[in-house]
Amino acid sequence: MKKYLSNISVSIILLFIVTLVFSLIITILTSTGVLSSNASSIIIMIVSFVVFFLVGLVYGKKSKTKGLVNGLVLALIYGLFLLVYYLLEGKAWTVHTTIVNVARVLLIICGSVIGVNLHKEN
């Protein structure tokens, strides 16, 4: 159980750190005029998809077994964070946010399954 919680916490910390770094870089580029606001929103979307896939991949490689179940657990944790965020901020839930968040959840799950399969030795 200790290893399981360690793997989840490392994956979540990795997600926060990488997201923070990329958000900071994109914000600086947007504020200096290098990127337009439309380009920055597209880049943020693409980077978030890649980051969520990589977090699932790292989590799958660290957990070594049960990629689908572990990916679902990580996706559930993401869903809980998302729910708390939207409830506290009072933001509106739209079709666009549903599509983006479902895509992120699927990327976490796929990354976790691929990560487990990459770890297996032939």
PDB file of N, CA and C in Angstrom:
ATOM      1  N   MET A   1       0.820  -1.191   0.000  1.00  0.00           N
ATOM      2  CA  MET A   1       0.000   0.000   0.000  1.00  0.00           C
ATOM      3  C   MET A   1       0.866   1.259   0.000  1.00  0.00           C
ATOM      4  N   LYS A   2       1.990   1.193   0.713  1.00  0.00           N
ATOM      5  CA  LYS A   2       2.879   2.341   0.779  1.00  0.00           C
ATOM      6  C   LYS A   2       3.453   2.653  -0.601  1.00  0.00           C
ATOM      7  N   LYS A   3       3.820   1.615  -1.353  1.00  0.00           N
ATOM      8  CA  LYS A   3       4.350   1.807  -2.697  1.00  0.00           C
ATOM      9  C   LYS A   3       3.276   2.379  -3.622  1.00  0.00           C
ATOM     10  N   TYR A   4       2.053   1.914  -3.454  1.00  0.00           N
ATOM     11  CA  TYR A   4       0.932   2.376  -4.268  1.00  0.00           C
ATOM     12  C   TYR A   4       0.703   3.874  -4.066  1.00  0.00           C
ATOM     13  N   LEU A   5       0.669   4.308  -2.816  1.00  0.00           N
ATOM     14  CA  LEU A   5       0.476   5.720  -2.518  1.00  0.00           C
ATOM     15  C   LEU A   5       1.672   6.552  -2.967  1.00  0.00           C
ATOM     16  N   SER A   6       2.856   5.981  -2.884  1.00  0.00           N
ATOM     17  CA  SER A   6       4.051   6.666  -3.350  1.00  0.00           C
ATOM     18  C   SER A   6       3.994   6.895  -4.850  1.00  0.00           C
ATOM     19  N   ASN A   7       3.562   5.886  -5.599  1.00  0.00           N
ATOM     20  CA  ASN A   7       3.457   6.024  -7.053  1.00  0.00           C
ATOM     21  C   ASN A   7       2.434   7.079  -7.438  1.00  0.00           C
ATOM     22  N   ILE A   8       1.300   7.087  -6.746  1.00  0.00           N
ATOM     23  CA  ILE A   8       0.276   8.085  -7.048  1.00  0.00           C
ATOM     24  C   ILE A   8       0.779   9.487  -6.724  1.00  0.00           C
ATOM     25  N   SER A   9       1.409   9.645  -5.582  1.00  0.00           N
ATOM     26  CA  SER A   9       1.873  10.979  -5.192  1.00  0.00           C
ATOM     27  C   SER A   9       2.972  11.483  -6.114  1.00  0.00           C
ATOM     28  N   VAL A  10       3.877  10.606  -6.545  1.00  0.00           N
ATOM     29  CA  VAL A  10       4.924  11.024  -7.487  1.00  0.00           C
ATOM     30  C   VAL A  10       4.296  11.463  -8.802  1.00  0.00           C
ATOM     31  N   SER A  11       3.299  10.740  -9.263  1.00  0.00           N
ATOM     32  CA  SER A  11       2.646  11.090 -10.522  1.00  0.00           C
ATOM     33  C   SER A  11       1.913  12.413 -10.422  1.00  0.00           C
ATOM     34  N   ILE A  12       1.232  12.645  -9.323  1.00  0.00           N
ATOM     35  CA  ILE A  12       0.497  13.897  -9.154  1.00  0.00           C
ATOM     36  C   ILE A  12       1.456  15.070  -8.997  1.00  0.00           C
ATOM     37  N   ILE A  13       2.524  14.883  -8.261  1.00  0.00           N
ATOM     38  CA  ILE A  13       3.526  15.941  -8.115  1.00  0.00           C
ATOM     39  C   ILE A  13       4.168  16.251  -9.458  1.00  0.00           C
ATOM     40  N   LEU A  14       4.465  15.218 -10.237  1.00  0.00           N
ATOM     41  CA  LEU A  14       5.015  15.418 -11.582  1.00  0.00           C
ATOM     42  C   LEU A  14       4.050  16.221 -12.439  1.00  0.00           C
ATOM     43  N   LEU A  15       2.775  15.900 -12.350  1.00  0.00           N
ATOM     44  CA  LEU A  15       1.760  16.625 -13.113  1.00  0.00           C
ATOM     45  C   LEU A  15       1.748  18.102 -12.736  1.00  0.00           C
ATOM     46  N   PHE A  16       1.759  18.401 -11.451  1.00  0.00           N
ATOM     47  CA  PHE A  16       1.727  19.791 -11.014  1.00  0.00           C
ATOM     48  C   PHE A  16       2.984  20.551 -11.418  1.00  0.00           C
ATOM     49  N   ILE A  17       4.143  19.942 -11.262  1.00  0.00           N
ATOM     50  CA  ILE A  17       5.397  20.634 -11.579  1.00  0.00           C
ATOM     51  C   ILE A  17       5.508  20.915 -13.062  1.00  0.00           C
ATOM     52  N   VAL A  18       5.260  19.915 -13.887  1.00  0.00           N
ATOM     53  CA  VAL A  18       5.377  20.104 -15.337  1.00  0.00           C
ATOM     54  C   VAL A  18       4.341  21.110 -15.829  1.00  0.00           C
ATOM     55  N   THR A  19       3.131  21.032 -15.303  1.00  0.00           N
ATOM     56  CA  THR A  19       2.091  21.980 -15.696  1.00  0.00           C
ATOM     57  C   THR A  19       2.466  23.394 -15.285  1.00  0.00           C
ATOM     58  N   LEU A  20       2.995  23.548 -14.104  1.00  0.00           N
ATOM     59  CA  LEU A  20       3.399  24.864 -13.632  1.00  0.00           C
ATOM     60  C   LEU A  20       4.506  25.456 -14.501  1.00  0.00           C
ATOM     61  N   VAL A  21       5.500  24.652 -14.838  1.00  0.00           N
ATOM     62  CA  VAL A  21       6.612  25.136 -15.654  1.00  0.00           C
ATOM     63  C   VAL A  21       6.128  25.554 -17.043  1.00  0.00           C
ATOM     64  N   PHE A  22       5.336  24.701 -17.690  1.00  0.00           N
ATOM     65  CA  PHE A  22       4.850  25.036 -19.023  1.00  0.00           C
ATOM     66  C   PHE A  22       3.899  26.233 -18.996  1.00  0.00           C
ATOM     67  N   SER A  23       3.079  26.345 -17.981  1.00  0.00           N
ATOM     68  CA  SER A  23       2.179  27.496 -17.874  1.00  0.00           C
ATOM     69  C   SER A  23       2.970  28.781 -17.699  1.00  0.00           C
ATOM     70  N   LEU A  24       4.006  28.722 -16.902  1.00  0.00           N
ATOM     71  CA  LEU A  24       4.846  29.897 -16.702  1.00  0.00           C
ATOM     72  C   LEU A  24       5.528  30.321 -17.999  1.00  0.00           C
ATOM     73  N   ILE A  25       6.072  29.360 -18.730  1.00  0.00           N
ATOM     74  CA  ILE A  25       6.741  29.670 -19.998  1.00  0.00           C
ATOM     75  C   ILE A  25       5.761  30.268 -20.998  1.00  0.00           C
ATOM     76  N   ILE A  26       4.598  29.666 -21.129  1.00  0.00           N
ATOM     77  CA  ILE A  26       3.616  30.153 -22.097  1.00  0.00           C
ATOM     78  C   ILE A  26       3.077  31.520 -21.680  1.00  0.00           C
ATOM     79  N   THR A  27       2.903  31.743 -20.386  1.00  0.00           N
ATOM     80  CA  THR A  27       2.444  33.042 -19.908  1.00  0.00           C
ATOM     81  C   THR A  27       3.459  34.131 -20.204  1.00  0.00           C
ATOM     82  N   ILE A  28       4.722  33.829 -19.994  1.00  0.00           N
ATOM     83  CA  ILE A  28       5.777  34.809 -20.289  1.00  0.00           C
ATOM     84  C   ILE A  28       5.818  35.116 -21.780  1.00  0.00           C
ATOM     85  N   LEU A  29       5.709  34.080 -22.606  1.00  0.00           N
ATOM     86  CA  LEU A  29       5.724  34.302 -24.053  1.00  0.00           C
ATOM     87  C   LEU A  29       4.502  35.091 -24.525  1.00  0.00           C
ATOM     88  N   THR A  30       3.370  34.876 -23.900  1.00  0.00           N
ATOM     89  CA  THR A  30       2.162  35.608 -24.271  1.00  0.00           C
ATOM     90  C   THR A  30       2.234  37.066 -23.810  1.00  0.00           C
ATOM     91  N   SER A  31       2.743  37.294 -22.605  1.00  0.00           N
ATOM     92  CA  SER A  31       2.802  38.663 -22.093  1.00  0.00           C
ATOM     93  C   SER A  31       3.846  39.513 -22.805  1.00  0.00           C
ATOM     94  N   THR A  32       4.882  38.886 -23.344  1.00  0.00           N
ATOM     95  CA  THR A  32       5.885  39.653 -24.092  1.00  0.00           C
ATOM     96  C   THR A  32       5.480  39.867 -25.548  1.00  0.00           C
ATOM     97  N   GLY A  33       4.398  39.241 -25.969  1.00  0.00           N
ATOM     98  CA  GLY A  33       3.924  39.451 -27.331  1.00  0.00           C
ATOM     99  C   GLY A  33       4.445  38.449 -28.333  1.00  0.00           C
ATOM    100  N   VAL A  34       5.179  37.455 -27.901  1.00  0.00           N
ATOM    101  CA  VAL A  34       5.708  36.446 -28.818  1.00  0.00           C
ATOM    102  C   VAL A  34       4.577  35.551 -29.315  1.00  0.00           C
ATOM    103  N   LEU A  35       3.640  35.234 -28.430  1.00  0.00           N
ATOM    104  CA  LEU A  35       2.483  34.413 -28.793  1.00  0.00           C
ATOM    105  C   LEU A  35       1.205  35.225 -28.655  1.00  0.00           C
ATOM    106  N   SER A  36       0.259  34.959 -29.544  1.00  0.00           N
ATOM    107  CA  SER A  36      -1.054  35.572 -29.384  1.00  0.00           C
ATOM    108  C   SER A  36      -1.858  34.753 -28.374  1.00  0.00           C
ATOM    109  N   SER A  37      -2.960  35.303 -27.925  1.00  0.00           N
ATOM    110  CA  SER A  37      -3.761  34.588 -26.931  1.00  0.00           C
ATOM    111  C   SER A  37      -4.392  33.334 -27.529  1.00  0.00           C
ATOM    112  N   ASN A  38      -4.761  33.377 -28.807  1.00  0.00           N
ATOM    113  CA  ASN A  38      -5.311  32.180 -29.453  1.00  0.00           C
ATOM    114  C   ASN A  38      -4.265  31.087 -29.577  1.00  0.00           C
ATOM    115  N   ALA A  39      -3.058  31.466 -29.977  1.00  0.00           N
ATOM    116  CA  ALA A  39      -1.981  30.485 -30.106  1.00  0.00           C
ATOM    117  C   ALA A  39      -1.611  29.905 -28.749  1.00  0.00           C
ATOM    118  N   SER A  40      -1.610  30.736 -27.722  1.00  0.00           N
ATOM    119  CA  SER A  40      -1.247  30.228 -26.397  1.00  0.00           C
ATOM    120  C   SER A  40      -2.299  29.255 -25.869  1.00  0.00           C
ATOM    121  N   SER A  41      -3.574  29.504 -26.143  1.00  0.00           N
ATOM    122  CA  SER A  41      -4.599  28.570 -25.680  1.00  0.00           C
ATOM    123  C   SER A  41      -4.498  27.235 -26.410  1.00  0.00           C
ATOM    124  N   ILE A  42      -4.159  27.252 -27.684  1.00  0.00           N
ATOM    125  CA  ILE A  42      -3.969  26.003 -28.431  1.00  0.00           C
ATOM    126  C   ILE A  42      -2.736  25.259 -27.926  1.00  0.00           C
ATOM    127  N   ILE A  43      -1.662  25.977 -27.673  1.00  0.00           N
ATOM    128  CA  ILE A  43      -0.438  25.352 -27.164  1.00  0.00           C
ATOM    129  C   ILE A  43      -0.672  24.768 -25.780  1.00  0.00           C
ATOM    130  N   ILE A  44      -1.397  25.484 -24.941  1.00  0.00           N
ATOM    131  CA  ILE A  44      -1.698  24.976 -23.601  1.00  0.00           C
ATOM    132  C   ILE A  44      -2.509  23.687 -23.685  1.00  0.00           C
ATOM    133  N   MET A  45      -3.458  23.638 -24.605  1.00  0.00           N
ATOM    134  CA  MET A  45      -4.274  22.434 -24.775  1.00  0.00           C
ATOM    135  C   MET A  45      -3.413  21.246 -25.210  1.00  0.00           C
ATOM    136  N   ILE A  46      -2.552  21.457 -26.182  1.00  0.00           N
ATOM    137  CA  ILE A  46      -1.682  20.381 -26.680  1.00  0.00           C
ATOM    138  C   ILE A  46      -0.717  19.927 -25.595  1.00  0.00           C
ATOM    139  N   VAL A  47      -0.113  20.879 -24.912  1.00  0.00           N
ATOM    140  CA  VAL A  47       0.835  20.537 -23.842  1.00  0.00           C
ATOM    141  C   VAL A  47       0.131  19.779 -22.722  1.00  0.00           C
ATOM    142  N   SER A  48      -1.093  20.183 -22.389  1.00  0.00           N
ATOM    143  CA  SER A  48      -1.807  19.479 -21.324  1.00  0.00           C
ATOM    144  C   SER A  48      -2.099  18.038 -21.729  1.00  0.00           C
ATOM    145  N   PHE A  49      -2.445  17.812 -22.980  1.00  0.00           N
ATOM    146  CA  PHE A  49      -2.686  16.445 -23.438  1.00  0.00           C
ATOM    147  C   PHE A  49      -1.413  15.606 -23.343  1.00  0.00           C
ATOM    148  N   VAL A  50      -0.297  16.173 -23.757  1.00  0.00           N
ATOM    149  CA  VAL A  50       0.978  15.445 -23.692  1.00  0.00           C
ATOM    150  C   VAL A  50       1.362  15.178 -22.242  1.00  0.00           C
ATOM    151  N   VAL A  51       1.185  16.155 -21.379  1.00  0.00           N
ATOM    152  CA  VAL A  51       1.544  15.997 -19.966  1.00  0.00           C
ATOM    153  C   VAL A  51       0.684  14.932 -19.296  1.00  0.00           C
ATOM    154  N   PHE A  52      -0.605  14.916 -19.566  1.00  0.00           N
ATOM    155  CA  PHE A  52      -1.472  13.915 -18.961  1.00  0.00           C
ATOM    156  C   PHE A  52      -1.118  12.512 -19.458  1.00  0.00           C
ATOM    157  N   PHE A  53      -0.772  12.392 -20.728  1.00  0.00           N
ATOM    158  CA  PHE A  53      -0.341  11.089 -21.237  1.00  0.00           C
ATOM    159  C   PHE A  53       0.958  10.656 -20.560  1.00  0.00           C
ATOM    160  N   LEU A  54       1.909  11.577 -20.426  1.00  0.00           N
ATOM    161  CA  LEU A  54       3.193  11.243 -19.808  1.00  0.00           C
ATOM    162  C   LEU A  54       3.042  10.903 -18.328  1.00  0.00           C
ATOM    163  N   VAL A  55       2.137  11.557 -17.640  1.00  0.00           N
ATOM    164  CA  VAL A  55       1.894  11.228 -16.235  1.00  0.00           C
ATOM    165  C   VAL A  55       1.344   9.815 -16.121  1.00  0.00           C
ATOM    166  N   GLY A  56       0.408   9.464 -16.984  1.00  0.00           N
ATOM    167  CA  GLY A  56      -0.100   8.095 -17.006  1.00  0.00           C
ATOM    168  C   GLY A  56       0.986   7.098 -17.348  1.00  0.00           C
ATOM    169  N   LEU A  57       1.855   7.460 -18.282  1.00  0.00           N
ATOM    170  CA  LEU A  57       2.958   6.582 -18.682  1.00  0.00           C
ATOM    171  C   LEU A  57       3.925   6.350 -17.527  1.00  0.00           C
ATOM    172  N   VAL A  58       4.302   7.412 -16.846  1.00  0.00           N
ATOM    173  CA  VAL A  58       5.212   7.296 -15.701  1.00  0.00           C
ATOM    174  C   VAL A  58       4.567   6.476 -14.589  1.00  0.00           C
ATOM    175  N   TYR A  59       3.297   6.731 -14.347  1.00  0.00           N
ATOM    176  CA  TYR A  59       2.590   5.986 -13.309  1.00  0.00           C
ATOM    177  C   TYR A  59       2.507   4.503 -13.666  1.00  0.00           C
ATOM    178  N   GLY A  60       2.255   4.203 -14.916  1.00  0.00           N
ATOM    179  CA  GLY A  60       2.201   2.808 -15.354  1.00  0.00           C
ATOM    180  C   GLY A  60       3.546   2.115 -15.237  1.00  0.00           C
ATOM    181  N   LYS A  61       4.617   2.831 -15.590  1.00  0.00           N
ATOM    182  CA  LYS A  61       5.948   2.236 -15.471  1.00  0.00           C
ATOM    183  C   LYS A  61       6.324   1.997 -14.019  1.00  0.00           C
ATOM    184  N   LYS A  62       5.922   2.898 -13.132  1.00  0.00           N
ATOM    185  CA  LYS A  62       6.257   2.737 -11.720  1.00  0.00           C
ATOM    186  C   LYS A  62       5.419   1.652 -11.055  1.00  0.00           C
ATOM    187  N   SER A  63       4.153   1.531 -11.455  1.00  0.00           N
ATOM    188  CA  SER A  63       3.291   0.550 -10.801  1.00  0.00           C
ATOM    189  C   SER A  63       3.539  -0.870 -11.312  1.00  0.00           C
ATOM    190  N   LYS A  64       3.954  -1.047 -12.541  1.00  0.00           N
ATOM    191  CA  LYS A  64       4.386  -2.318 -13.137  1.00  0.00           C
ATOM    192  C   LYS A  64       3.265  -3.321 -13.388  1.00  0.00           C
ATOM    193  N   THR A  65       2.100  -3.180 -12.777  1.00  0.00           N
ATOM    194  CA  THR A  65       0.997  -4.101 -13.001  1.00  0.00           C
ATOM    195  C   THR A  65      -0.323  -3.337 -12.990  1.00  0.00           C
ATOM    196  N   LYS A  66      -1.348  -3.981 -13.501  1.00  0.00           N
ATOM    197  CA  LYS A  66      -2.717  -3.459 -13.478  1.00  0.00           C
ATOM    198  C   LYS A  66      -2.808  -2.046 -14.050  1.00  0.00           C
ATOM    199  N   GLY A  67      -2.377  -1.886 -15.274  1.00  0.00           N
ATOM    200  CA  GLY A  67      -2.355  -0.569 -15.894  1.00  0.00           C
ATOM    201  C   GLY A  67      -3.715   0.073 -16.010  1.00  0.00           C
ATOM    202  N   LEU A  68      -4.724  -0.697 -16.396  1.00  0.00           N
ATOM    203  CA  LEU A  68      -6.051  -0.132 -16.571  1.00  0.00           C
ATOM    204  C   LEU A  68      -6.661   0.289 -15.233  1.00  0.00           C
ATOM    205  N   VAL A  69      -6.545  -0.564 -14.234  1.00  0.00           N
ATOM    206  CA  VAL A  69      -7.109  -0.242 -12.916  1.00  0.00           C
ATOM    207  C   VAL A  69      -6.386   0.960 -12.308  1.00  0.00           C
ATOM    208  N   ASN A  70      -5.066   0.958 -12.390  1.00  0.00           N
ATOM    209  CA  ASN A  70      -4.309   2.074 -11.834  1.00  0.00           C
ATOM    210  C   ASN A  70      -4.567   3.364 -12.606  1.00  0.00           C
ATOM    211  N   GLY A  71      -4.731   3.258 -13.919  1.00  0.00           N
ATOM    212  CA  GLY A  71      -5.077   4.430 -14.713  1.00  0.00           C
ATOM    213  C   GLY A  71      -6.443   4.975 -14.343  1.00  0.00           C
ATOM    214  N   LEU A  72      -7.392   4.079 -14.081  1.00  0.00           N
ATOM    215  CA  LEU A  72      -8.721   4.519 -13.649  1.00  0.00           C
ATOM    216  C   LEU A  72      -8.667   5.201 -12.288  1.00  0.00           C
ATOM    217  N   VAL A  73      -7.831   4.692 -11.390  1.00  0.00           N
ATOM    218  CA  VAL A  73      -7.690   5.323 -10.065  1.00  0.00           C
ATOM    219  C   VAL A  73      -7.097   6.723 -10.215  1.00  0.00           C
ATOM    220  N   LEU A  74      -6.067   6.852 -11.033  1.00  0.00           N
ATOM    221  CA  LEU A  74      -5.455   8.162 -11.249  1.00  0.00           C
ATOM    222  C   LEU A  74      -6.441   9.107 -11.928  1.00  0.00           C
ATOM    223  N   ALA A  75      -7.222   8.596 -12.861  1.00  0.00           N
ATOM    224  CA  ALA A  75      -8.236   9.417 -13.528  1.00  0.00           C
ATOM    225  C   ALA A  75      -9.331   9.827 -12.543  1.00  0.00           C
ATOM    226  N   LEU A  76      -9.684   8.949 -11.625  1.00  0.00           N
ATOM    227  CA  LEU A  76     -10.671   9.279 -10.602  1.00  0.00           C
ATOM    228  C   LEU A  76     -10.158  10.386  -9.686  1.00  0.00           C
ATOM    229  N   ILE A  77      -8.896  10.309  -9.322  1.00  0.00           N
ATOM    230  CA  ILE A  77      -8.301  11.367  -8.497  1.00  0.00           C
ATOM    231  C   ILE A  77      -8.319  12.691  -9.248  1.00  0.00           C
ATOM    232  N   TYR A  78      -7.991  12.653 -10.540  1.00  0.00           N
ATOM    233  CA  TYR A  78      -8.062  13.867 -11.361  1.00  0.00           C
ATOM    234  C   TYR A  78      -9.497  14.400 -11.400  1.00  0.00           C
ATOM    235  N   GLY A  79     -10.454  13.510 -11.558  1.00  0.00           N
ATOM    236  CA  GLY A  79     -11.851  13.920 -11.581  1.00  0.00           C
ATOM    237  C   GLY A  79     -12.292  14.568 -10.279  1.00  0.00           C
ATOM    238  N   LEU A  80     -11.808  14.046  -9.162  1.00  0.00           N
ATOM    239  CA  LEU A  80     -12.151  14.643  -7.867  1.00  0.00           C
ATOM    240  C   LEU A  80     -11.552  16.038  -7.709  1.00  0.00           C
ATOM    241  N   PHE A  81     -10.278  16.194  -8.128  1.00  0.00           N
ATOM    242  CA  PHE A  81      -9.659  17.520  -8.099  1.00  0.00           C
ATOM    243  C   PHE A  81     -10.434  18.487  -8.985  1.00  0.00           C
ATOM    244  N   LEU A  82     -10.842  18.011 -10.143  1.00  0.00           N
ATOM    245  CA  LEU A  82     -11.584  18.836 -11.088  1.00  0.00           C
ATOM    246  C   LEU A  82     -12.943  19.237 -10.510  1.00  0.00           C
ATOM    247  N   LEU A  83     -13.610  18.299  -9.887  1.00  0.00           N
ATOM    248  CA  LEU A  83     -14.907  18.581  -9.285  1.00  0.00           C
ATOM    249  C   LEU A  83     -14.788  19.626  -8.176  1.00  0.00           C
ATOM    250  N   VAL A  84     -13.806  19.460  -7.319  1.00  0.00           N
ATOM    251  CA  VAL A  84     -13.596  20.427  -6.242  1.00  0.00           C
ATOM    252  C   VAL A  84     -13.264  21.804  -6.813  1.00  0.00           C
ATOM    253  N   TYR A  85     -12.435  21.835  -7.835  1.00  0.00           N
ATOM    254  CA  TYR A  85     -12.062  23.111  -8.455  1.00  0.00           C
ATOM    255  C   TYR A  85     -13.286  23.816  -9.025  1.00  0.00           C
ATOM    256  N   TYR A  86     -14.100  23.098  -9.777  1.00  0.00           N
ATOM    257  CA  TYR A  86     -15.271  23.722 -10.384  1.00  0.00           C
ATOM    258  C   TYR A  86     -16.310  24.124  -9.340  1.00  0.00           C
ATOM    259  N   LEU A  87     -16.430  23.367  -8.268  1.00  0.00           N
ATOM    260  CA  LEU A  87     -17.371  23.741  -7.215  1.00  0.00           C
ATOM    261  C   LEU A  87     -16.900  24.965  -6.440  1.00  0.00           C
ATOM    262  N   LEU A  88     -15.608  25.037  -6.143  1.00  0.00           N
ATOM    263  CA  LEU A  88     -15.083  26.175  -5.388  1.00  0.00           C
ATOM    264  C   LEU A  88     -15.048  27.456  -6.215  1.00  0.00           C
ATOM    265  N   GLU A  89     -14.720  27.319  -7.494  1.00  0.00           N
ATOM    266  CA  GLU A  89     -14.635  28.500  -8.349  1.00  0.00           C
ATOM    267  C   GLU A  89     -15.986  28.944  -8.877  1.00  0.00           C
ATOM    268  N   GLY A  90     -16.975  28.068  -8.861  1.00  0.00           N
ATOM    269  CA  GLY A  90     -18.290  28.418  -9.374  1.00  0.00           C
ATOM    270  C   GLY A  90     -18.313  28.564 -10.884  1.00  0.00           C
ATOM    271  N   LYS A  91     -17.421  27.868 -11.554  1.00  0.00           N
ATOM    272  CA  LYS A  91     -17.340  27.957 -13.015  1.00  0.00           C
ATOM    273  C   LYS A  91     -18.449  27.139 -13.664  1.00  0.00           C
ATOM    274  N   ALA A  92     -18.772  27.514 -14.869  1.00  0.00           N
ATOM    275  CA  ALA A  92     -19.796  26.792 -15.627  1.00  0.00           C
ATOM    276  C   ALA A  92     -19.152  25.605 -16.335  1.00  0.00           C
ATOM    277  N   TRP A  93     -19.881  24.500 -16.361  1.00  0.00           N
ATOM    278  CA  TRP A  93     -19.418  23.288 -17.034  1.00  0.00           C
ATOM    279  C   TRP A  93     -20.054  23.270 -18.416  1.00  0.00           C
ATOM    280  N   THR A  94     -19.229  23.309 -19.469  1.00  0.00           N
ATOM    281  CA  THR A  94     -19.747  23.359 -20.828  1.00  0.00           C
ATOM    282  C   THR A  94     -19.414  22.071 -21.562  1.00  0.00           C
ATOM    283  N   VAL A  95     -19.899  21.976 -22.779  1.00  0.00           N
ATOM    284  CA  VAL A  95     -19.596  20.813 -23.615  1.00  0.00           C
ATOM    285  C   VAL A  95     -18.102  20.771 -23.921  1.00  0.00           C
ATOM    286  N   HIS A  96     -17.510  21.935 -24.146  1.00  0.00           N
ATOM    287  CA  HIS A  96     -16.077  22.003 -24.443  1.00  0.00           C
ATOM    288  C   HIS A  96     -15.250  21.470 -23.275  1.00  0.00           C
ATOM    289  N   THR A  97     -15.574  21.870 -22.054  1.00  0.00           N
ATOM    290  CA  THR A  97     -14.816  21.374 -20.904  1.00  0.00           C
ATOM    291  C   THR A  97     -15.027  19.878 -20.708  1.00  0.00           C
ATOM    292  N   THR A  98     -16.215  19.395 -21.022  1.00  0.00           N
ATOM    293  CA  THR A  98     -16.467  17.957 -20.924  1.00  0.00           C
ATOM    294  C   THR A  98     -15.590  17.185 -21.903  1.00  0.00           C
ATOM    295  N   ILE A  99     -15.523  17.642 -23.134  1.00  0.00           N
ATOM    296  CA  ILE A  99     -14.719  16.956 -24.153  1.00  0.00           C
ATOM    297  C   ILE A  99     -13.243  16.977 -23.782  1.00  0.00           C
ATOM    298  N   VAL A 100     -12.754  18.129 -23.343  1.00  0.00           N
ATOM    299  CA  VAL A 100     -11.337  18.254 -22.980  1.00  0.00           C
ATOM    300  C   VAL A 100     -11.005  17.364 -21.791  1.00  0.00           C
ATOM    301  N   ASN A 101     -11.842  17.351 -20.782  1.00  0.00           N
ATOM    302  CA  ASN A 101     -11.546  16.565 -19.583  1.00  0.00           C
ATOM    303  C   ASN A 101     -11.703  15.069 -19.820  1.00  0.00           C
ATOM    304  N   VAL A 102     -12.634  14.663 -20.655  1.00  0.00           N
ATOM    305  CA  VAL A 102     -12.753  13.254 -21.013  1.00  0.00           C
ATOM    306  C   VAL A 102     -11.517  12.819 -21.809  1.00  0.00           C
ATOM    307  N   ALA A 103     -11.041  13.679 -22.692  1.00  0.00           N
ATOM    308  CA  ALA A 103      -9.827  13.360 -23.444  1.00  0.00           C
ATOM    309  C   ALA A 103      -8.628  13.224 -22.509  1.00  0.00           C
ATOM    310  N   ARG A 104      -8.527  14.080 -21.519  1.00  0.00           N
ATOM    311  CA  ARG A 104      -7.427  13.988 -20.556  1.00  0.00           C
ATOM    312  C   ARG A 104      -7.508  12.703 -19.741  1.00  0.00           C
ATOM    313  N   VAL A 105      -8.707  12.332 -19.329  1.00  0.00           N
ATOM    314  CA  VAL A 105      -8.885  11.091 -18.578  1.00  0.00           C
ATOM    315  C   VAL A 105      -8.489   9.894 -19.431  1.00  0.00           C
ATOM    316  N   LEU A 106      -8.918   9.889 -20.684  1.00  0.00           N
ATOM    317  CA  LEU A 106      -8.549   8.788 -21.576  1.00  0.00           C
ATOM    318  C   LEU A 106      -7.041   8.736 -21.821  1.00  0.00           C
ATOM    319  N   LEU A 107      -6.400   9.891 -21.895  1.00  0.00           N
ATOM    320  CA  LEU A 107      -4.946   9.914 -22.058  1.00  0.00           C
ATOM    321  C   LEU A 107      -4.235   9.394 -20.819  1.00  0.00           C
ATOM    322  N   ILE A 108      -4.741   9.702 -19.645  1.00  0.00           N
ATOM    323  CA  ILE A 108      -4.155   9.149 -18.416  1.00  0.00           C
ATOM    324  C   ILE A 108      -4.257   7.629 -18.428  1.00  0.00           C
ATOM    325  N   ILE A 109      -5.431   7.121 -18.778  1.00  0.00           N
ATOM    326  CA  ILE A 109      -5.644   5.675 -18.774  1.00  0.00           C
ATOM    327  C   ILE A 109      -4.781   4.995 -19.833  1.00  0.00           C
ATOM    328  N   CYS A 110      -4.762   5.547 -21.041  1.00  0.00           N
ATOM    329  CA  CYS A 110      -3.936   4.956 -22.111  1.00  0.00           C
ATOM    330  C   CYS A 110      -2.457   5.009 -21.753  1.00  0.00           C
ATOM    331  N   GLY A 111      -2.011   6.113 -21.185  1.00  0.00           N
ATOM    332  CA  GLY A 111      -0.611   6.223 -20.772  1.00  0.00           C
ATOM    333  C   GLY A 111      -0.256   5.212 -19.708  1.00  0.00           C
ATOM    334  N   SER A 112      -1.150   4.979 -18.782  1.00  0.00           N
ATOM    335  CA  SER A 112      -0.900   4.004 -17.730  1.00  0.00           C
ATOM    336  C   SER A 112      -0.811   2.589 -18.293  1.00  0.00           C
ATOM    337  N   VAL A 113      -1.702   2.249 -19.200  1.00  0.00           N
ATOM    338  CA  VAL A 113      -1.673   0.917 -19.811  1.00  0.00           C
ATOM    339  C   VAL A 113      -0.395   0.736 -20.634  1.00  0.00           C
ATOM    340  N   ILE A 114      -0.030   1.729 -21.399  1.00  0.00           N
ATOM    341  CA  ILE A 114       1.195   1.648 -22.205  1.00  0.00           C
ATOM    342  C   ILE A 114       2.417   1.593 -21.301  1.00  0.00           C
ATOM    343  N   GLY A 115       2.409   2.360 -20.217  1.00  0.00           N
ATOM    344  CA  GLY A 115       3.533   2.355 -19.276  1.00  0.00           C
ATOM    345  C   GLY A 115       3.743   0.985 -18.651  1.00  0.00           C
ATOM    346  N   VAL A 116       2.675   0.305 -18.289  1.00  0.00           N
ATOM    347  CA  VAL A 116       2.795  -1.044 -17.737  1.00  0.00           C
ATOM    348  C   VAL A 116       3.349  -1.996 -18.800  1.00  0.00           C
ATOM    349  N   ASN A 117       2.874  -1.873 -20.013  1.00  0.00           N
ATOM    350  CA  ASN A 117       3.339  -2.749 -21.081  1.00  0.00           C
ATOM    351  C   ASN A 117       4.765  -2.445 -21.508  1.00  0.00           C
ATOM    352  N   LEU A 118       5.223  -1.224 -21.350  1.00  0.00           N
ATOM    353  CA  LEU A 118       6.623  -0.898 -21.647  1.00  0.00           C
ATOM    354  C   LEU A 118       7.545  -1.492 -20.606  1.00  0.00           C
ATOM    355  N   HIS A 119       7.057  -1.640 -19.389  1.00  0.00           N
ATOM    356  CA  HIS A 119       7.895  -2.144 -18.318  1.00  0.00           C
ATOM    357  C   HIS A 119       8.125  -3.648 -18.439  1.00  0.00           C
ATOM    358  N   LYS A 120       7.157  -4.366 -18.992  1.00  0.00           N
ATOM    359  CA  LYS A 120       7.264  -5.817 -19.066  1.00  0.00           C
ATOM    360  C   LYS A 120       8.437  -6.214 -19.955  1.00  0.00           C
ATOM    361  N   GLU A 121       9.212  -7.138 -19.452  1.00  0.00           N
ATOM    362  CA  GLU A 121      10.380  -7.614 -20.192  1.00  0.00           C
ATOM    363  C   GLU A 121       9.990  -8.841 -20.995  1.00  0.00           C
ATOM    364  N   ASN A 122      10.543  -8.941 -22.190  1.00  0.00           N
ATOM    365  CA  ASN A 122      10.240 -10.092 -23.052  1.00  0.00           C
ATOM    366  C   ASN A 122      11.128 -11.263 -22.723  1.00  0.00           C
TER     367      ASN A 122
END
